[in-house]
Amino acid sequence: MPTSIMGTKRNTAPFRYDIVGSFLRPESIKEARRRLEAGEMTQQQLLDVENEEIARLVGREQELGLRAITDGEFRRSWWHLDFFLGIKGTRKISLNRGNGRVEAGTRAESFQIVDKIAYDQHPMVEHFKQLHALAGASVAKMCIPSPSLFHFVQYYNGNEVYADQEELYRDIVNVYRSVIQAFYEAGCRYLQLDDTAWGTLCSERHREHLQSLGMDPDRLAADYVRLINESIMDKPQDMTIALHVCRGNYQSTWFASGGYEAIAEQLFSNAKVDAFFLEYDNERSGDFRPLRHIRDQFVVLGLVTTKHGGLESKEQLKARIAEAAQYVHIDQLCLSPQCGFASTEEGNLLSEEEQWDKIRLVIETANEIWTKEPPCSD
């Protein structure tokens, strides 16, 4: 496989080297949370620690040359629940470990709808404002769970509020339209929707389970494309929205396996997002052939794993990008880690230095592939 591919530099999101979002939590934040829970620290003191560590993280991201930066999700315990619990009409619940739904070693927490859902001054908008103020010339990137994942999780947890699925879909869409507009008004021009529902729909085992519950996975995929498209249809023209498909990342584990073929035509051909962040760090993600369904979107290839500290070879990464370029033009491709480094506050099983080594590898490899100057600003 030739590795002498060459593409064009890019100055707007998604960037040729990009990130999924979360970073390993510093020990100071973990200790502060423990002290808060023990009643030895106030919420404001925790906030002060978070502010200090986020400022330090942003400086490190900029020092390495990242174009898009995040706050590492340092203020979150979960990548998804913290956002869902900020939506009016939801509450945190504990899950029953005996029902087969909770993997050993994971925290048994989720959310449930307890009233009509609505947008009401989501706290993460303020979190973004603080990141945006720190970003300077960098692009402040916000990552939130997708509207389709909201529906997927609530289905398993059940609710007695919505008997009509179409009414629930409409309310989810209204919440997301409102929160997207709020992020935009706060200065956000790069938003990522994280989604493990699509990763589940890639898995034959999980598809069979859904069928046993009376659900049609293909119908669900069509409904979820509609849900995403309607949620983002009013997005301003200068706002980039990406969808990240994940198969699980809790403390370097995973829960779904299977290539993209089962969802590719429905998702890649019909979703109106600007870019897809796709896991491709091992054989569980399948081959690149499903990318033939990509239209004019960008594809950010998650070739560098975040699940362990070993570094991929640069030549291997270039060979895999060349292989993907058989299905998607090289200038529609970008490179990133496969997922975040800490989808939850526990974090993945690698060190902070190994984390930064991964980022350096992504940046260096991308800079060696996309070298040509664009004819004009893109």
Protein backbone atom coordinates (compact mmCIF):
# COMPACT_ATOMS: atom_id res chain seq x y z
CA MET A 1 0.00 0.00 0.00
CA PRO A 2 1.61 3.33 -0.99
CA THR A 3 2.05 5.86 1.80
CA SER A 4 3.16 8.86 -0.27
CA ILE A 5 -0.29 10.43 -0.26
CA MET A 6 -0.50 14.18 -0.06
CA GLY A 7 -3.45 16.44 0.69
CA THR A 8 -4.25 20.08 1.25
CA LYS A 9 -3.94 21.99 4.52
CA ARG A 10 -7.17 23.14 6.14
CA ASN A 11 -7.85 26.22 8.28
CA THR A 12 -11.39 25.52 9.47
CA ALA A 13 -13.05 22.78 11.49
CA PRO A 14 -12.76 19.88 11.34
CA PHE A 15 -9.01 20.28 11.29
CA ARG A 16 -6.55 17.91 9.64
CA TYR A 17 -5.43 16.97 13.15
CA ASP A 18 -8.26 17.07 15.63
CA ILE A 19 -9.34 15.73 19.00
CA VAL A 20 -12.46 14.03 20.30
CA GLY A 21 -12.66 16.03 23.50
CA SER A 22 -11.88 14.56 26.91
CA PHE A 23 -8.51 14.41 28.66
CA LEU A 24 -7.28 12.55 31.73
CA ARG A 25 -8.33 14.34 34.91
CA PRO A 26 -5.49 15.74 37.01
CA GLU A 27 -5.16 14.27 40.47
CA SER A 28 -5.98 17.70 41.96
CA ILE A 29 -9.50 17.55 40.48
CA LYS A 30 -10.04 13.96 41.62
CA GLU A 31 -8.89 14.87 45.13
CA ALA A 32 -11.08 17.98 45.18
CA ARG A 33 -14.14 15.91 44.23
CA ARG A 34 -13.36 13.41 46.98
CA ARG A 35 -13.06 16.23 49.51
CA LEU A 36 -16.31 17.82 48.31
CA GLU A 37 -18.14 14.51 48.76
CA ALA A 38 -16.66 14.16 52.25
CA GLY A 39 -17.82 17.66 53.18
CA GLU A 40 -14.26 18.97 53.42
CA MET A 41 -14.50 21.39 50.50
CA THR A 42 -17.10 23.77 49.12
CA GLN A 43 -18.52 23.77 45.60
CA GLN A 44 -16.75 27.10 44.97
CA GLN A 45 -13.42 25.63 46.05
CA LEU A 46 -13.92 22.75 43.61
CA LEU A 47 -14.76 25.28 40.90
CA ASP A 48 -11.54 27.15 41.64
CA VAL A 49 -9.52 23.95 41.22
CA GLU A 50 -11.32 23.15 37.95
CA ASN A 51 -10.70 26.68 36.64
CA GLU A 52 -7.00 26.44 37.39
CA GLU A 53 -6.60 23.02 35.79
CA ILE A 54 -8.63 23.93 32.70
CA ALA A 55 -6.48 27.01 32.15
CA ARG A 56 -3.39 24.81 32.44
CA LEU A 57 -4.88 22.26 30.01
CA VAL A 58 -5.73 24.92 27.44
CA GLY A 59 -2.17 26.20 27.62
CA ARG A 60 -0.84 22.67 27.00
CA GLU A 61 -3.18 22.13 24.04
CA GLN A 62 -2.09 25.42 22.49
CA GLU A 63 1.59 24.74 23.19
CA LEU A 64 1.32 21.48 21.21
CA GLY A 65 -0.33 23.31 18.33
CA LEU A 66 -3.88 21.99 18.46
CA ARG A 67 -6.24 24.14 16.40
CA ALA A 68 -9.36 22.96 18.23
CA ILE A 69 -9.22 22.89 22.01
CA THR A 70 -11.57 21.68 24.72
CA ASP A 71 -11.78 21.98 28.48
CA GLY A 72 -11.05 18.25 28.68
CA GLU A 73 -14.54 17.76 30.15
CA PHE A 74 -12.86 18.45 33.49
CA ARG A 75 -16.13 19.66 35.01
CA ARG A 76 -17.95 16.41 34.18
CA SER A 77 -18.23 13.06 35.88
CA TRP A 78 -19.78 11.42 32.80
CA TRP A 79 -19.40 12.48 29.16
CA HIS A 80 -23.17 12.17 28.63
CA LEU A 81 -25.08 12.08 31.92
CA ASP A 82 -23.92 15.50 33.08
CA PHE A 83 -25.43 17.02 29.94
CA PHE A 84 -28.65 15.00 30.09
CA LEU A 85 -29.17 15.91 33.75
CA GLY A 86 -28.93 19.59 32.82
CA ILE A 87 -32.10 19.23 30.74
CA LYS A 88 -35.27 20.20 32.58
CA GLY A 89 -37.47 17.15 33.25
CA THR A 90 -34.69 14.59 33.94
CA ARG A 91 -33.21 13.09 37.12
CA LYS A 92 -30.33 10.77 37.99
CA ILE A 93 -31.17 7.14 38.75
CA SER A 94 -29.25 4.11 39.99
CA LEU A 95 -29.34 1.02 37.81
CA ASN A 96 -29.92 -2.55 38.94
CA ARG A 97 -26.76 -4.58 38.42
CA GLY A 98 -28.80 -7.77 38.37
CA ASN A 99 -30.61 -7.02 35.12
CA GLY A 100 -27.62 -7.65 32.85
CA ARG A 101 -27.43 -4.03 31.70
CA VAL A 102 -24.52 -2.91 33.84
CA GLU A 103 -21.03 -4.19 33.09
CA ALA A 104 -18.90 -5.27 36.03
CA GLY A 105 -16.69 -2.45 37.26
CA THR A 106 -18.78 0.40 35.87
CA ARG A 107 -20.77 2.92 37.86
CA ALA A 108 -24.45 1.97 37.83
CA GLU A 109 -25.88 5.41 37.05
CA SER A 110 -28.13 6.78 34.33
CA PHE A 111 -31.01 9.23 33.88
CA GLN A 112 -34.76 9.09 33.56
CA ILE A 113 -37.40 11.45 32.20
CA VAL A 114 -39.72 12.48 35.03
CA ASP A 115 -41.50 15.43 33.41
CA LYS A 116 -41.86 17.04 30.00
CA ILE A 117 -38.35 17.88 28.90
CA ALA A 118 -37.35 21.44 28.04
CA TYR A 119 -34.32 23.68 27.67
CA ASP A 120 -33.76 25.91 30.67
CA GLN A 121 -30.40 27.69 30.94
CA HIS A 122 -28.17 24.63 30.62
CA PRO A 123 -25.10 24.97 32.90
CA MET A 124 -22.73 23.77 30.17
CA VAL A 125 -23.36 26.93 28.19
CA GLU A 126 -21.62 28.83 30.97
CA HIS A 127 -18.83 26.22 30.93
CA PHE A 128 -18.34 26.91 27.24
CA LYS A 129 -18.23 30.67 27.79
CA GLN A 130 -15.34 30.20 30.18
CA LEU A 131 -13.50 27.98 27.70
CA HIS A 132 -14.14 30.46 24.89
CA ALA A 133 -12.62 33.24 26.98
CA LEU A 134 -9.46 31.16 27.46
CA ALA A 135 -9.19 30.05 23.84
CA GLY A 136 -7.90 33.25 22.31
CA ALA A 137 -7.05 32.58 18.65
CA SER A 138 -7.76 28.86 19.06
CA VAL A 139 -11.15 27.34 18.22
CA ALA A 140 -13.06 26.39 21.36
CA LYS A 141 -14.76 23.07 20.68
CA MET A 142 -17.82 21.89 22.63
CA CYS A 143 -18.75 18.21 22.91
CA ILE A 144 -22.20 17.03 24.02
CA PRO A 145 -24.10 13.74 23.66
CA SER A 146 -26.33 13.50 20.61
CA PRO A 147 -30.14 13.76 20.52
CA SER A 148 -30.35 10.17 19.26
CA LEU A 149 -28.40 8.96 22.29
CA PHE A 150 -30.79 10.83 24.59
CA HIS A 151 -33.66 8.84 23.09
CA PHE A 152 -31.72 5.56 23.12
CA VAL A 153 -30.78 5.79 26.81
CA GLN A 154 -34.21 6.92 27.98
CA TYR A 155 -35.81 4.00 26.10
CA TYR A 156 -33.92 1.49 28.23
CA ASN A 157 -34.68 3.37 31.44
CA GLY A 158 -38.34 3.86 30.62
CA ASN A 159 -40.54 6.86 31.29
CA GLU A 160 -44.18 7.38 32.21
CA VAL A 161 -44.31 10.89 30.76
CA TYR A 162 -44.36 10.27 27.01
CA ALA A 163 -46.77 7.67 25.65
CA ASP A 164 -46.44 9.17 22.17
CA GLN A 165 -42.98 8.69 20.62
CA GLU A 166 -43.51 11.47 18.11
CA GLU A 167 -44.20 13.91 20.95
CA LEU A 168 -40.97 12.79 22.63
CA TYR A 169 -39.06 13.23 19.38
CA ARG A 170 -40.45 16.76 18.99
CA ASP A 171 -39.46 17.72 22.51
CA ILE A 172 -35.94 16.31 22.09
CA VAL A 173 -35.58 18.30 18.87
CA ASN A 174 -36.80 21.48 20.57
CA VAL A 175 -34.34 21.02 23.45
CA TYR A 176 -31.42 20.51 21.08
CA ARG A 177 -32.35 23.38 18.80
CA SER A 178 -32.46 25.65 21.85
CA VAL A 179 -29.17 24.44 23.31
CA ILE A 180 -27.38 24.64 19.94
CA GLN A 181 -28.55 28.23 19.56
CA ALA A 182 -27.45 29.01 23.12
CA PHE A 183 -23.97 27.62 22.44
CA TYR A 184 -23.79 29.62 19.22
CA GLU A 185 -24.73 32.84 21.01
CA ALA A 186 -22.01 32.04 23.56
CA GLY A 187 -19.47 31.96 20.72
CA CYS A 188 -19.42 28.27 19.81
CA ARG A 189 -18.62 27.58 16.15
CA TYR A 190 -17.55 23.95 16.53
CA LEU A 191 -19.91 21.47 18.16
CA GLN A 192 -19.48 17.71 18.40
CA LEU A 193 -22.34 15.29 19.07
CA ASP A 194 -21.07 12.12 20.77
CA ASP A 195 -23.09 8.96 20.22
CA THR A 196 -22.77 5.33 21.34
CA ALA A 197 -26.24 4.45 20.00
CA TRP A 198 -24.82 4.27 16.48
CA GLY A 199 -21.96 2.11 17.73
CA THR A 200 -24.56 -0.23 19.21
CA LEU A 201 -26.41 -0.36 15.89
CA CYS A 202 -23.16 -1.55 14.25
CA SER A 203 -23.15 -4.64 16.49
CA GLU A 204 -24.93 -7.77 15.30
CA ARG A 205 -25.31 -8.98 18.88
CA HIS A 206 -26.94 -5.74 19.97
CA ARG A 207 -29.14 -5.61 16.89
CA GLU A 208 -30.45 -9.08 17.73
CA HIS A 209 -31.14 -7.93 21.28
CA LEU A 210 -33.09 -4.92 20.03
CA GLN A 211 -35.14 -7.21 17.79
CA SER A 212 -35.91 -9.43 20.79
CA LEU A 213 -37.39 -6.33 22.46
CA GLY A 214 -39.64 -5.71 19.46
CA MET A 215 -37.50 -2.94 17.94
CA ASP A 216 -36.40 -2.78 14.31
CA PRO A 217 -32.75 -1.57 14.23
CA ASP A 218 -33.09 -0.29 10.66
CA ARG A 219 -36.21 1.71 11.52
CA LEU A 220 -34.43 3.04 14.58
CA ALA A 221 -31.50 4.14 12.41
CA ALA A 222 -33.86 6.00 10.07
CA ASP A 223 -35.60 7.65 13.02
CA TYR A 224 -32.28 8.67 14.53
CA VAL A 225 -31.06 10.28 11.31
CA ARG A 226 -34.30 12.26 11.24
CA LEU A 227 -33.87 13.19 14.91
CA ILE A 228 -30.33 14.47 14.31
CA ASN A 229 -31.26 16.34 11.14
CA GLU A 230 -34.26 18.07 12.69
CA SER A 231 -32.22 18.98 15.78
CA ILE A 232 -29.51 20.73 13.75
CA MET A 233 -31.56 22.07 10.85
CA ASP A 234 -31.54 25.65 12.18
CA LYS A 235 -27.81 25.76 12.88
CA PRO A 236 -26.10 28.93 11.64
CA GLN A 237 -24.08 28.54 8.45
CA ASP A 238 -20.78 29.35 10.16
CA MET A 239 -21.18 26.63 12.78
CA THR A 240 -19.59 23.21 12.19
CA ILE A 241 -21.40 20.23 13.72
CA ALA A 242 -19.76 16.80 13.79
CA LEU A 243 -21.04 13.38 14.91
CA HIS A 244 -18.71 11.05 16.80
CA VAL A 245 -19.64 7.35 16.65
CA CYS A 246 -18.29 5.39 19.63
CA ARG A 247 -18.43 1.74 20.73
CA GLY A 248 -17.69 2.39 24.40
CA ASN A 249 -14.69 3.87 26.20
CA TYR A 250 -15.23 3.47 29.96
CA GLN A 251 -11.78 2.97 31.53
CA SER A 252 -10.40 1.60 28.24
CA THR A 253 -13.22 -0.94 27.82
CA TRP A 254 -15.81 -1.32 25.05
CA PHE A 255 -19.29 -2.80 24.74
CA ALA A 256 -20.01 -3.03 20.99
CA SER A 257 -18.17 -4.54 18.05
CA GLY A 258 -18.86 -4.47 14.33
CA GLY A 259 -18.08 -2.48 11.21
CA TYR A 260 -20.12 0.43 9.87
CA GLU A 261 -21.78 -1.44 7.00
CA ALA A 262 -25.06 -2.00 8.89
CA ILE A 263 -25.60 1.75 9.33
CA ALA A 264 -23.43 3.29 6.60
CA GLU A 265 -25.97 3.94 3.87
CA GLN A 266 -28.58 5.33 6.24
CA LEU A 267 -26.22 7.44 8.35
CA PHE A 268 -23.50 8.56 5.95
CA SER A 269 -25.81 9.26 3.01
CA ASN A 270 -28.55 11.04 4.92
CA ALA A 271 -27.24 12.74 8.07
CA LYS A 272 -26.75 16.48 7.53
CA VAL A 273 -23.79 16.86 9.87
CA ASP A 274 -20.62 18.47 8.53
CA ALA A 275 -18.28 15.70 9.65
CA PHE A 276 -18.11 12.22 11.13
CA PHE A 277 -15.56 11.21 13.75
CA LEU A 278 -15.21 7.45 13.25
CA GLU A 279 -13.36 4.89 15.33
CA TYR A 280 -10.89 2.90 13.27
CA ASP A 281 -8.25 1.92 15.81
CA ASN A 282 -8.69 -1.86 15.60
CA GLU A 283 -10.48 -4.69 13.84
CA ARG A 284 -13.68 -4.18 15.86
CA SER A 285 -14.46 -1.18 13.66
CA GLY A 286 -14.26 -3.12 10.39
CA ASP A 287 -12.81 -1.93 7.09
CA PHE A 288 -13.11 1.34 5.19
CA ARG A 289 -15.50 0.12 2.51
CA PRO A 290 -18.61 1.60 4.23
CA LEU A 291 -17.07 5.04 3.59
CA ARG A 292 -18.24 4.74 -0.03
CA HIS A 293 -21.57 6.11 1.25
CA ILE A 294 -19.98 9.38 2.41
CA ARG A 295 -21.13 12.33 0.34
CA ASP A 296 -19.72 15.82 0.93
CA GLN A 297 -18.99 15.42 4.64
CA PHE A 298 -15.55 15.25 6.20
CA VAL A 299 -14.41 12.03 7.85
CA VAL A 300 -12.09 12.30 10.84
CA LEU A 301 -10.38 8.93 11.10
CA GLY A 302 -9.87 7.80 14.69
CA LEU A 303 -6.80 5.66 13.95
CA VAL A 304 -4.84 6.37 17.14
CA THR A 305 -6.25 4.44 20.07
CA THR A 306 -6.87 6.07 23.45
CA LYS A 307 -7.32 2.72 25.21
CA HIS A 308 -3.63 2.10 25.91
CA GLY A 309 -0.34 3.96 25.80
CA GLY A 310 1.46 2.12 23.00
CA LEU A 311 2.12 4.32 19.97
CA GLU A 312 1.07 3.35 16.48
CA SER A 313 3.73 3.65 13.78
CA LYS A 314 3.53 6.72 11.62
CA GLU A 315 3.96 4.62 8.46
CA GLN A 316 1.07 2.37 9.48
CA LEU A 317 -1.15 5.41 10.01
CA LYS A 318 -0.21 6.78 6.60
CA ALA A 319 -0.94 3.42 4.98
CA ARG A 320 -4.38 3.27 6.59
CA ILE A 321 -5.19 6.83 5.52
CA ALA A 322 -4.15 5.91 1.96
CA GLU A 323 -6.50 2.92 2.16
CA ALA A 324 -9.39 5.10 3.35
CA ALA A 325 -8.65 7.55 0.54
CA GLN A 326 -9.72 4.85 -1.93
CA TYR A 327 -13.30 5.55 -0.77
CA VAL A 328 -13.18 9.20 0.33
CA HIS A 329 -11.04 11.92 -1.27
CA ILE A 330 -7.92 12.66 0.75
CA ASP A 331 -9.05 16.26 1.24
CA GLN A 332 -12.25 15.05 2.92
CA LEU A 333 -10.18 13.13 5.47
CA CYS A 334 -8.65 14.22 8.77
CA LEU A 335 -6.95 12.40 11.65
CA SER A 336 -7.69 12.15 15.38
CA PRO A 337 -7.49 9.80 18.33
CA GLN A 338 -10.20 7.13 18.30
CA CYS A 339 -12.05 8.62 21.29
CA GLY A 340 -11.43 10.85 24.27
CA PHE A 341 -8.92 9.89 26.93
CA ALA A 342 -11.41 10.07 29.80
CA SER A 343 -15.05 9.64 28.86
CA THR A 344 -15.65 9.57 32.61
CA GLU A 345 -13.66 11.01 35.48
CA GLU A 346 -11.99 7.62 36.06
CA GLY A 347 -10.09 7.95 32.78
CA ASN A 348 -8.47 5.40 30.49
CA LEU A 349 -5.53 3.15 31.33
CA LEU A 350 -2.61 5.27 30.21
CA SER A 351 -0.50 8.05 31.69
CA GLU A 352 -0.75 11.77 30.99
CA GLU A 353 2.55 11.71 29.09
CA GLU A 354 1.31 8.79 26.99
CA GLN A 355 -1.81 10.84 26.30
CA TRP A 356 0.24 13.77 25.03
CA ASP A 357 2.47 11.45 23.00
CA LYS A 358 -0.70 10.31 21.20
CA ILE A 359 -1.64 13.90 20.41
CA ARG A 360 1.86 14.65 19.11
CA LEU A 361 1.67 11.59 16.86
CA VAL A 362 -1.65 12.75 15.40
CA ILE A 363 -0.31 16.26 14.75
CA GLU A 364 2.99 15.12 13.23
CA THR A 365 1.36 12.52 10.99
CA ALA A 366 -1.30 14.92 9.72
CA ASN A 367 1.30 17.60 9.02
CA GLU A 368 3.26 15.13 6.89
CA ILE A 369 0.20 14.16 4.81
CA TRP A 370 -1.74 17.39 4.32
CA THR A 371 1.11 19.61 3.17
CA LYS A 372 -0.22 21.49 0.12
CA GLU A 373 -1.37 25.06 0.56
CA PRO A 374 -5.06 25.63 -0.25
CA PRO A 375 -5.70 27.78 -3.33
CA CYS A 376 -7.76 30.09 -1.13
CA SER A 377 -9.11 30.14 2.42
CA ASP A 378 -11.55 27.27 3.09
